[in-house]
Amino acid sequence: MEEKKSIVCNCCGTHFSAFGNVVEKDFLHVKKQWGYFSKKDGRIDEFFVCESCYDKWLENFVICPKERMATEFL
């Protein structure tokens, strides 16, 4: 039996559930390992952003991210 996990949006605190690879809502997962020439050398940051918070975040971007459509869904 798959283990139920809880994912929390780091922006708004909304909780949503995941069962294995199946998630009740989609989200952005960011994991960044900082390297040389940063003030965070060697640090790994990881966070989750729900779709609603992602849309609000993009409103502050000066340059919008590139968009393209997937031809297959996993």
N, C-alpha and C. Protein backbone atom coordinates (compact mmCIF):
# COMPACT_ATOMS: atom_id res chain seq x y z
N MET A 1 0.84 -1.18 0.00
CA MET A 1 0.00 0.00 0.00
C MET A 1 0.88 1.25 0.00
N GLU A 2 0.52 2.22 -0.87
CA GLU A 2 1.29 3.46 -0.98
C GLU A 2 1.15 4.29 0.29
N GLU A 3 2.23 4.93 0.66
CA GLU A 3 2.22 5.79 1.85
C GLU A 3 1.69 7.17 1.48
N LYS A 4 0.80 7.70 2.29
CA LYS A 4 0.25 9.03 2.08
C LYS A 4 1.24 10.06 2.61
N LYS A 5 1.57 11.06 1.79
CA LYS A 5 2.46 12.13 2.19
C LYS A 5 1.70 13.45 2.13
N SER A 6 2.10 14.39 2.93
CA SER A 6 1.51 15.72 2.90
C SER A 6 2.54 16.69 2.34
N ILE A 7 2.12 17.47 1.37
CA ILE A 7 2.97 18.51 0.79
C ILE A 7 2.39 19.84 1.20
N VAL A 8 3.24 20.79 1.57
CA VAL A 8 2.79 22.10 2.05
C VAL A 8 3.39 23.18 1.17
N CYS A 9 2.55 24.09 0.68
CA CYS A 9 3.03 25.24 -0.08
C CYS A 9 3.79 26.16 0.87
N ASN A 10 5.03 26.46 0.53
CA ASN A 10 5.85 27.32 1.38
C ASN A 10 5.37 28.78 1.37
N CYS A 11 4.55 29.16 0.39
CA CYS A 11 4.06 30.55 0.33
C CYS A 11 2.82 30.76 1.18
N CYS A 12 1.80 29.91 0.98
CA CYS A 12 0.51 30.14 1.65
C CYS A 12 0.19 29.12 2.74
N GLY A 13 0.97 28.04 2.83
CA GLY A 13 0.75 27.05 3.87
C GLY A 13 -0.32 26.01 3.56
N THR A 14 -0.88 26.03 2.35
CA THR A 14 -1.90 25.05 1.97
C THR A 14 -1.30 23.66 1.96
N HIS A 15 -2.03 22.71 2.56
CA HIS A 15 -1.61 21.30 2.58
C HIS A 15 -2.35 20.55 1.48
N PHE A 16 -1.66 19.64 0.79
CA PHE A 16 -2.32 18.72 -0.10
C PHE A 16 -1.63 17.38 -0.04
N SER A 17 -2.35 16.33 -0.38
CA SER A 17 -1.88 14.96 -0.18
C SER A 17 -1.28 14.37 -1.45
N ALA A 18 -0.37 13.44 -1.24
CA ALA A 18 0.23 12.68 -2.34
C ALA A 18 0.24 11.21 -1.93
N PHE A 19 -0.12 10.37 -2.87
CA PHE A 19 -0.05 8.91 -2.69
C PHE A 19 0.92 8.40 -3.74
N GLY A 20 2.15 8.10 -3.34
CA GLY A 20 3.16 7.70 -4.33
C GLY A 20 3.41 8.86 -5.27
N ASN A 21 3.19 8.64 -6.58
CA ASN A 21 3.40 9.69 -7.58
C ASN A 21 2.11 10.44 -7.93
N VAL A 22 1.01 10.13 -7.25
CA VAL A 22 -0.27 10.78 -7.53
C VAL A 22 -0.51 11.87 -6.49
N VAL A 23 -0.69 13.10 -6.97
CA VAL A 23 -0.88 14.24 -6.09
C VAL A 23 -2.25 14.85 -6.36
N GLU A 24 -2.94 15.30 -5.29
CA GLU A 24 -4.29 15.84 -5.47
C GLU A 24 -4.30 17.20 -6.16
N LYS A 25 -3.20 17.96 -6.10
CA LYS A 25 -3.06 19.25 -6.79
C LYS A 25 -1.66 19.30 -7.36
N ASP A 26 -1.49 20.06 -8.44
CA ASP A 26 -0.16 20.19 -9.00
C ASP A 26 0.58 21.32 -8.29
N PHE A 27 1.89 21.32 -8.35
CA PHE A 27 2.72 22.29 -7.63
C PHE A 27 4.06 22.42 -8.31
N LEU A 28 4.80 23.45 -7.95
CA LEU A 28 6.17 23.64 -8.39
C LEU A 28 7.08 23.17 -7.27
N HIS A 29 8.05 22.32 -7.62
CA HIS A 29 9.03 21.84 -6.64
C HIS A 29 10.38 22.40 -7.06
N VAL A 30 11.02 23.14 -6.17
CA VAL A 30 12.33 23.73 -6.45
C VAL A 30 13.34 23.17 -5.48
N LYS A 31 14.46 22.71 -6.03
CA LYS A 31 15.59 22.24 -5.21
C LYS A 31 16.85 22.83 -5.82
N LYS A 32 17.55 23.63 -5.05
CA LYS A 32 18.72 24.35 -5.54
C LYS A 32 19.91 24.13 -4.62
N GLN A 33 21.00 23.65 -5.19
CA GLN A 33 22.26 23.55 -4.46
C GLN A 33 23.12 24.73 -4.88
N TRP A 34 23.42 25.60 -3.92
CA TRP A 34 24.19 26.80 -4.20
C TRP A 34 25.67 26.46 -4.34
N GLY A 35 26.34 27.13 -5.26
CA GLY A 35 27.74 26.86 -5.52
C GLY A 35 28.62 28.05 -5.18
N TYR A 36 29.82 27.99 -5.71
CA TYR A 36 30.78 29.08 -5.51
C TYR A 36 30.22 30.38 -6.05
N PHE A 37 30.75 31.45 -5.55
CA PHE A 37 30.40 32.80 -5.97
C PHE A 37 29.00 33.22 -5.52
N SER A 38 28.43 32.48 -4.60
CA SER A 38 27.18 32.90 -3.97
C SER A 38 27.47 33.08 -2.48
N LYS A 39 26.56 33.68 -1.79
CA LYS A 39 26.71 33.82 -0.34
C LYS A 39 26.16 32.60 0.38
N LYS A 40 25.79 31.57 -0.39
CA LYS A 40 25.18 30.37 0.19
C LYS A 40 25.95 29.11 -0.20
N ASP A 41 27.24 29.21 -0.40
CA ASP A 41 28.06 28.08 -0.85
C ASP A 41 27.73 26.79 -0.11
N GLY A 42 27.36 25.75 -0.87
CA GLY A 42 27.14 24.43 -0.29
C GLY A 42 25.76 24.21 0.30
N ARG A 43 24.96 25.26 0.41
CA ARG A 43 23.63 25.13 0.99
C ARG A 43 22.65 24.58 -0.05
N ILE A 44 21.72 23.75 0.40
CA ILE A 44 20.68 23.23 -0.48
C ILE A 44 19.34 23.76 0.03
N ASP A 45 18.64 24.48 -0.83
CA ASP A 45 17.31 24.99 -0.52
C ASP A 45 16.29 24.17 -1.30
N GLU A 46 15.17 23.84 -0.66
CA GLU A 46 14.11 23.07 -1.31
C GLU A 46 12.77 23.60 -0.83
N PHE A 47 11.85 23.83 -1.78
CA PHE A 47 10.53 24.32 -1.39
C PHE A 47 9.48 23.95 -2.42
N PHE A 48 8.21 24.10 -2.01
CA PHE A 48 7.06 23.79 -2.84
C PHE A 48 6.19 25.03 -2.97
N VAL A 49 5.63 25.25 -4.15
CA VAL A 49 4.74 26.39 -4.39
C VAL A 49 3.50 25.85 -5.10
N CYS A 50 2.32 26.12 -4.54
CA CYS A 50 1.07 25.67 -5.18
C CYS A 50 0.83 26.50 -6.45
N GLU A 51 -0.08 26.04 -7.29
CA GLU A 51 -0.33 26.71 -8.57
C GLU A 51 -0.83 28.13 -8.38
N SER A 52 -1.67 28.36 -7.39
CA SER A 52 -2.20 29.70 -7.14
C SER A 52 -1.08 30.67 -6.76
N CYS A 53 -0.21 30.26 -5.87
CA CYS A 53 0.91 31.11 -5.46
C CYS A 53 1.90 31.31 -6.60
N TYR A 54 2.09 30.28 -7.42
CA TYR A 54 2.96 30.38 -8.59
C TYR A 54 2.45 31.48 -9.53
N ASP A 55 1.13 31.49 -9.78
CA ASP A 55 0.56 32.51 -10.66
C ASP A 55 0.78 33.91 -10.09
N LYS A 56 0.63 34.07 -8.79
CA LYS A 56 0.86 35.37 -8.15
C LYS A 56 2.34 35.76 -8.23
N TRP A 57 3.22 34.77 -8.05
CA TRP A 57 4.66 35.00 -8.11
C TRP A 57 5.06 35.51 -9.49
N LEU A 58 4.51 34.89 -10.55
CA LEU A 58 4.86 35.27 -11.92
C LEU A 58 4.49 36.71 -12.24
N GLU A 59 3.46 37.23 -11.59
CA GLU A 59 3.06 38.62 -11.82
C GLU A 59 4.18 39.60 -11.48
N ASN A 60 5.14 39.18 -10.64
CA ASN A 60 6.25 40.05 -10.25
C ASN A 60 7.48 39.90 -11.13
N PHE A 61 7.46 38.95 -12.06
CA PHE A 61 8.60 38.73 -12.94
C PHE A 61 8.66 39.85 -13.99
N VAL A 62 9.84 40.34 -14.27
CA VAL A 62 10.04 41.32 -15.33
C VAL A 62 10.03 40.60 -16.68
N ILE A 63 10.62 39.42 -16.74
CA ILE A 63 10.65 38.59 -17.95
C ILE A 63 9.90 37.31 -17.64
N CYS A 64 8.85 37.04 -18.37
CA CYS A 64 8.04 35.84 -18.15
C CYS A 64 8.82 34.59 -18.53
N PRO A 65 8.59 33.48 -17.83
CA PRO A 65 9.25 32.23 -18.21
C PRO A 65 8.76 31.77 -19.58
N LYS A 66 9.61 31.03 -20.27
CA LYS A 66 9.21 30.45 -21.55
C LYS A 66 8.15 29.39 -21.31
N GLU A 67 7.15 29.38 -22.15
CA GLU A 67 6.09 28.37 -22.07
C GLU A 67 6.11 27.53 -23.33
N ARG A 68 5.83 26.24 -23.14
CA ARG A 68 5.64 25.34 -24.27
C ARG A 68 4.73 24.23 -23.82
N MET A 69 4.08 23.59 -24.74
CA MET A 69 3.12 22.55 -24.42
C MET A 69 3.78 21.18 -24.50
N ALA A 70 3.44 20.33 -23.54
CA ALA A 70 3.92 18.95 -23.53
C ALA A 70 3.10 18.14 -24.52
N THR A 71 3.74 17.20 -25.17
CA THR A 71 3.02 16.33 -26.09
C THR A 71 2.62 15.03 -25.44
N GLU A 72 3.26 14.71 -24.31
CA GLU A 72 2.93 13.49 -23.56
C GLU A 72 2.92 13.82 -22.07
N PHE A 73 2.01 13.18 -21.36
CA PHE A 73 1.93 13.34 -19.91
C PHE A 73 2.34 12.03 -19.28
N LEU A 74 3.17 12.10 -18.26
CA LEU A 74 3.60 10.90 -17.57
C LEU A 74 2.64 10.52 -16.49
